[in-house]
């Protein structure tokens, strides 16, 4: 299995990324967020988070005050990330 350094700064295969995620060995939330930004988050999601004034940190911790359809949006992002990984790593 690859290490955290390879996940964040290397070019691991997608199967290595998924295997690392299954082990959930991020050690710290900041590394998890960096990995999400690199491997899971799309540009559209990035733009929509900015527009909604949400952050990945707030989404992961559930520490946001939902406005409008924010809760549904967050769950849809989690569903997309889970779909990419092939298992449920995010969500309620």
N, C-alpha and C. Protein backbone atom coordinates (compact mmCIF):
# COMPACT_ATOMS: atom_id res chain seq x y z
N UNK A 1 0.84 -1.18 0.00
CA UNK A 1 0.00 0.00 0.00
C UNK A 1 0.89 1.25 0.00
N UNK A 2 0.38 2.30 -0.62
CA UNK A 2 1.13 3.55 -0.67
C UNK A 2 1.06 4.27 0.67
N UNK A 3 1.98 5.18 0.88
CA UNK A 3 1.98 6.00 2.09
C UNK A 3 1.27 7.31 1.86
N UNK A 4 1.08 8.05 2.93
CA UNK A 4 0.40 9.33 2.87
C UNK A 4 1.12 10.31 1.94
N UNK A 5 2.45 10.32 1.98
CA UNK A 5 3.22 11.21 1.11
C UNK A 5 2.92 10.95 -0.36
N UNK A 6 2.89 9.68 -0.74
CA UNK A 6 2.60 9.31 -2.13
C UNK A 6 1.18 9.70 -2.51
N UNK A 7 0.24 9.52 -1.59
CA UNK A 7 -1.15 9.88 -1.85
C UNK A 7 -1.30 11.37 -2.13
N UNK A 8 -0.61 12.19 -1.33
CA UNK A 8 -0.79 13.63 -1.41
C UNK A 8 0.10 14.32 -2.44
N UNK A 9 1.30 13.81 -2.65
CA UNK A 9 2.21 14.53 -3.55
C UNK A 9 2.67 13.70 -4.74
N UNK A 10 2.32 12.44 -4.77
CA UNK A 10 2.72 11.60 -5.89
C UNK A 10 1.62 11.47 -6.92
N UNK A 11 1.76 10.48 -7.75
CA UNK A 11 0.74 10.18 -8.75
C UNK A 11 0.34 8.71 -8.64
N UNK A 12 -0.33 8.37 -7.54
CA UNK A 12 -0.71 6.97 -7.33
C UNK A 12 -1.80 6.54 -8.30
N UNK A 13 -1.87 5.24 -8.52
CA UNK A 13 -2.97 4.70 -9.33
C UNK A 13 -4.27 4.89 -8.56
N UNK A 14 -5.38 4.85 -9.29
CA UNK A 14 -6.67 5.03 -8.62
C UNK A 14 -6.91 3.90 -7.62
N UNK A 15 -6.51 2.68 -7.95
CA UNK A 15 -6.72 1.56 -7.00
C UNK A 15 -5.90 1.77 -5.73
N UNK A 16 -4.73 2.38 -5.84
CA UNK A 16 -3.94 2.70 -4.65
C UNK A 16 -4.63 3.77 -3.81
N UNK A 17 -5.25 4.74 -4.48
CA UNK A 17 -5.98 5.80 -3.77
C UNK A 17 -7.14 5.17 -2.99
N UNK A 18 -7.91 4.31 -3.65
CA UNK A 18 -9.06 3.67 -3.00
C UNK A 18 -8.59 2.79 -1.84
N UNK A 19 -7.54 2.03 -2.04
CA UNK A 19 -7.02 1.18 -0.96
C UNK A 19 -6.59 2.00 0.23
N UNK A 20 -5.93 3.13 -0.02
CA UNK A 20 -5.52 4.00 1.08
C UNK A 20 -6.74 4.50 1.83
N UNK A 21 -7.76 4.92 1.10
CA UNK A 21 -8.98 5.45 1.72
C UNK A 21 -9.65 4.38 2.57
N UNK A 22 -9.63 3.15 2.11
CA UNK A 22 -10.25 2.06 2.87
C UNK A 22 -9.55 1.86 4.21
N UNK A 23 -8.26 2.10 4.24
CA UNK A 23 -7.50 1.97 5.48
C UNK A 23 -7.71 3.16 6.41
N UNK A 24 -8.16 4.29 5.85
CA UNK A 24 -8.46 5.51 6.62
C UNK A 24 -7.30 5.89 7.53
N UNK A 25 -6.12 6.01 6.96
CA UNK A 25 -4.91 6.28 7.72
C UNK A 25 -4.42 7.72 7.47
N UNK A 26 -5.33 8.68 7.63
CA UNK A 26 -4.98 10.07 7.33
C UNK A 26 -4.29 10.79 8.48
N UNK A 27 -4.35 10.24 9.68
CA UNK A 27 -3.67 10.77 10.87
C UNK A 27 -4.23 12.11 11.35
N UNK A 28 -4.65 12.96 10.44
CA UNK A 28 -5.12 14.29 10.80
C UNK A 28 -6.11 14.76 9.74
N UNK A 29 -7.12 15.51 10.16
CA UNK A 29 -8.14 15.99 9.23
C UNK A 29 -7.54 16.82 8.10
N UNK A 30 -6.49 17.56 8.37
CA UNK A 30 -5.91 18.41 7.32
C UNK A 30 -5.39 17.56 6.15
N UNK A 31 -4.87 16.37 6.42
CA UNK A 31 -4.42 15.48 5.34
C UNK A 31 -5.60 14.91 4.57
N UNK A 32 -6.67 14.58 5.29
CA UNK A 32 -7.88 14.09 4.64
C UNK A 32 -8.42 15.15 3.69
N UNK A 33 -8.47 16.38 4.13
CA UNK A 33 -8.98 17.47 3.30
C UNK A 33 -8.10 17.67 2.07
N UNK A 34 -6.81 17.61 2.25
CA UNK A 34 -5.88 17.74 1.12
C UNK A 34 -6.11 16.62 0.11
N UNK A 35 -6.34 15.40 0.61
CA UNK A 35 -6.59 14.26 -0.28
C UNK A 35 -7.92 14.41 -1.01
N UNK A 36 -8.94 14.90 -0.31
CA UNK A 36 -10.23 15.13 -0.95
C UNK A 36 -10.07 16.13 -2.08
N UNK A 37 -9.37 17.22 -1.82
CA UNK A 37 -9.18 18.25 -2.84
C UNK A 37 -8.42 17.69 -4.05
N UNK A 38 -7.46 16.83 -3.80
CA UNK A 38 -6.65 16.30 -4.90
C UNK A 38 -7.36 15.20 -5.68
N UNK A 39 -8.07 14.31 -4.98
CA UNK A 39 -8.56 13.10 -5.64
C UNK A 39 -10.07 13.04 -5.85
N UNK A 40 -10.85 13.76 -5.07
CA UNK A 40 -12.30 13.60 -5.14
C UNK A 40 -13.07 14.83 -5.60
N UNK A 41 -12.69 15.99 -5.11
CA UNK A 41 -13.46 17.19 -5.37
C UNK A 41 -13.33 17.64 -6.82
N UNK A 42 -14.46 17.99 -7.42
CA UNK A 42 -14.45 18.51 -8.79
C UNK A 42 -14.40 20.03 -8.75
N UNK A 43 -14.09 20.61 -9.89
CA UNK A 43 -14.06 22.07 -9.99
C UNK A 43 -15.45 22.64 -9.76
N UNK A 44 -16.48 21.98 -10.27
CA UNK A 44 -17.85 22.44 -10.03
C UNK A 44 -18.19 22.43 -8.54
N UNK A 45 -17.78 21.38 -7.85
CA UNK A 45 -18.02 21.31 -6.40
C UNK A 45 -17.27 22.43 -5.69
N UNK A 46 -16.04 22.66 -6.08
CA UNK A 46 -15.23 23.71 -5.49
C UNK A 46 -15.93 25.07 -5.64
N UNK A 47 -16.41 25.33 -6.84
CA UNK A 47 -17.10 26.60 -7.11
C UNK A 47 -18.39 26.71 -6.31
N UNK A 48 -19.14 25.63 -6.24
CA UNK A 48 -20.41 25.65 -5.52
C UNK A 48 -20.19 25.82 -4.01
N UNK A 49 -19.15 25.20 -3.48
CA UNK A 49 -18.83 25.39 -2.06
C UNK A 49 -18.52 26.86 -1.79
N UNK A 50 -17.74 27.46 -2.66
CA UNK A 50 -17.40 28.87 -2.50
C UNK A 50 -18.67 29.72 -2.52
N UNK A 51 -19.52 29.45 -3.49
CA UNK A 51 -20.76 30.20 -3.64
C UNK A 51 -21.66 30.07 -2.40
N UNK A 52 -21.65 28.89 -1.80
CA UNK A 52 -22.49 28.63 -0.62
C UNK A 52 -21.79 28.99 0.69
N UNK A 53 -20.56 29.42 0.58
CA UNK A 53 -19.75 29.75 1.76
C UNK A 53 -19.60 28.54 2.69
N UNK A 54 -19.40 27.40 2.07
CA UNK A 54 -19.15 26.15 2.80
C UNK A 54 -17.70 25.76 2.61
N UNK A 55 -17.20 24.95 3.52
CA UNK A 55 -15.86 24.38 3.38
C UNK A 55 -15.96 22.87 3.54
N UNK A 56 -14.95 22.18 3.08
CA UNK A 56 -14.92 20.74 3.28
C UNK A 56 -14.91 20.43 4.77
N UNK A 57 -14.17 21.21 5.54
CA UNK A 57 -14.11 21.00 6.99
C UNK A 57 -15.50 21.06 7.61
N UNK A 58 -16.26 22.09 7.25
CA UNK A 58 -17.62 22.23 7.79
C UNK A 58 -18.51 21.09 7.33
N UNK A 59 -18.35 20.66 6.09
CA UNK A 59 -19.15 19.54 5.59
C UNK A 59 -18.84 18.27 6.37
N UNK A 60 -17.56 17.98 6.56
CA UNK A 60 -17.17 16.75 7.25
C UNK A 60 -17.63 16.74 8.70
N UNK A 61 -17.59 17.90 9.33
CA UNK A 61 -17.93 17.98 10.75
C UNK A 61 -19.40 18.31 10.99
N UNK A 62 -20.13 18.59 9.92
CA UNK A 62 -21.53 18.96 10.07
C UNK A 62 -21.70 20.27 10.82
N UNK A 63 -20.71 21.13 10.75
CA UNK A 63 -20.73 22.37 11.53
C UNK A 63 -21.07 23.58 10.66
N UNK A 64 -22.14 23.44 9.92
CA UNK A 64 -22.61 24.56 9.11
C UNK A 64 -24.11 24.73 9.37
N UNK A 65 -24.58 25.93 9.19
CA UNK A 65 -26.00 26.20 9.32
C UNK A 65 -26.59 26.09 7.91
N UNK A 66 -27.39 25.06 7.66
CA UNK A 66 -27.90 24.87 6.31
C UNK A 66 -28.83 26.00 5.87
N UNK A 67 -28.56 26.52 4.71
CA UNK A 67 -29.41 27.55 4.11
C UNK A 67 -29.97 26.95 2.83
N UNK A 68 -31.27 27.04 2.66
CA UNK A 68 -31.88 26.49 1.46
C UNK A 68 -31.65 24.99 1.36
N UNK A 69 -31.05 24.58 0.26
CA UNK A 69 -30.82 23.15 0.02
C UNK A 69 -29.39 22.71 0.36
N UNK A 70 -28.72 23.42 1.25
CA UNK A 70 -27.33 23.08 1.60
C UNK A 70 -27.19 21.62 2.05
N UNK A 71 -28.11 21.14 2.89
CA UNK A 71 -27.99 19.76 3.38
C UNK A 71 -28.06 18.77 2.23
N UNK A 72 -28.99 19.00 1.32
CA UNK A 72 -29.11 18.11 0.15
C UNK A 72 -27.86 18.22 -0.73
N UNK A 73 -27.33 19.43 -0.87
CA UNK A 73 -26.11 19.62 -1.66
C UNK A 73 -24.95 18.85 -1.04
N UNK A 74 -24.76 19.01 0.27
CA UNK A 74 -23.66 18.33 0.95
C UNK A 74 -23.79 16.81 0.77
N UNK A 75 -24.98 16.29 0.96
CA UNK A 75 -25.17 14.85 0.80
C UNK A 75 -24.90 14.42 -0.64
N UNK A 76 -25.27 15.25 -1.61
CA UNK A 76 -25.02 14.89 -3.01
C UNK A 76 -23.51 14.86 -3.30
N UNK A 77 -22.77 15.78 -2.70
CA UNK A 77 -21.31 15.77 -2.86
C UNK A 77 -20.74 14.50 -2.22
N UNK A 78 -21.18 14.19 -1.01
CA UNK A 78 -20.72 12.96 -0.36
C UNK A 78 -21.05 11.74 -1.21
N UNK A 79 -22.25 11.72 -1.79
CA UNK A 79 -22.64 10.59 -2.64
C UNK A 79 -21.72 10.47 -3.85
N UNK A 80 -21.36 11.61 -4.45
CA UNK A 80 -20.43 11.57 -5.58
C UNK A 80 -19.06 11.04 -5.17
N UNK A 81 -18.57 11.52 -4.02
CA UNK A 81 -17.27 11.04 -3.55
C UNK A 81 -17.32 9.54 -3.24
N UNK A 82 -18.39 9.11 -2.59
CA UNK A 82 -18.55 7.68 -2.29
C UNK A 82 -18.62 6.87 -3.58
N UNK A 83 -19.32 7.40 -4.58
CA UNK A 83 -19.41 6.72 -5.86
C UNK A 83 -18.06 6.56 -6.52
N UNK A 84 -17.23 7.58 -6.45
CA UNK A 84 -15.87 7.51 -7.01
C UNK A 84 -15.06 6.45 -6.30
N UNK A 85 -15.19 6.41 -4.97
CA UNK A 85 -14.40 5.46 -4.19
C UNK A 85 -14.94 4.04 -4.29
N UNK A 86 -16.23 3.91 -4.53
CA UNK A 86 -16.83 2.58 -4.61
C UNK A 86 -17.29 2.02 -3.27
N UNK A 87 -17.29 2.85 -2.24
CA UNK A 87 -17.80 2.45 -0.93
C UNK A 87 -18.16 3.71 -0.17
N UNK A 88 -18.91 3.54 0.92
CA UNK A 88 -19.37 4.70 1.69
C UNK A 88 -18.30 5.13 2.70
N UNK A 89 -17.69 6.27 2.41
CA UNK A 89 -16.70 6.85 3.32
C UNK A 89 -17.22 8.14 3.91
N UNK A 90 -18.24 8.74 3.28
CA UNK A 90 -18.77 10.04 3.69
C UNK A 90 -20.28 9.99 3.77
N UNK A 91 -20.83 10.80 4.65
CA UNK A 91 -22.27 10.97 4.70
C UNK A 91 -22.87 10.60 6.02
N UNK A 92 -24.16 10.76 6.01
CA UNK A 92 -24.91 10.58 7.23
C UNK A 92 -25.59 9.23 7.25
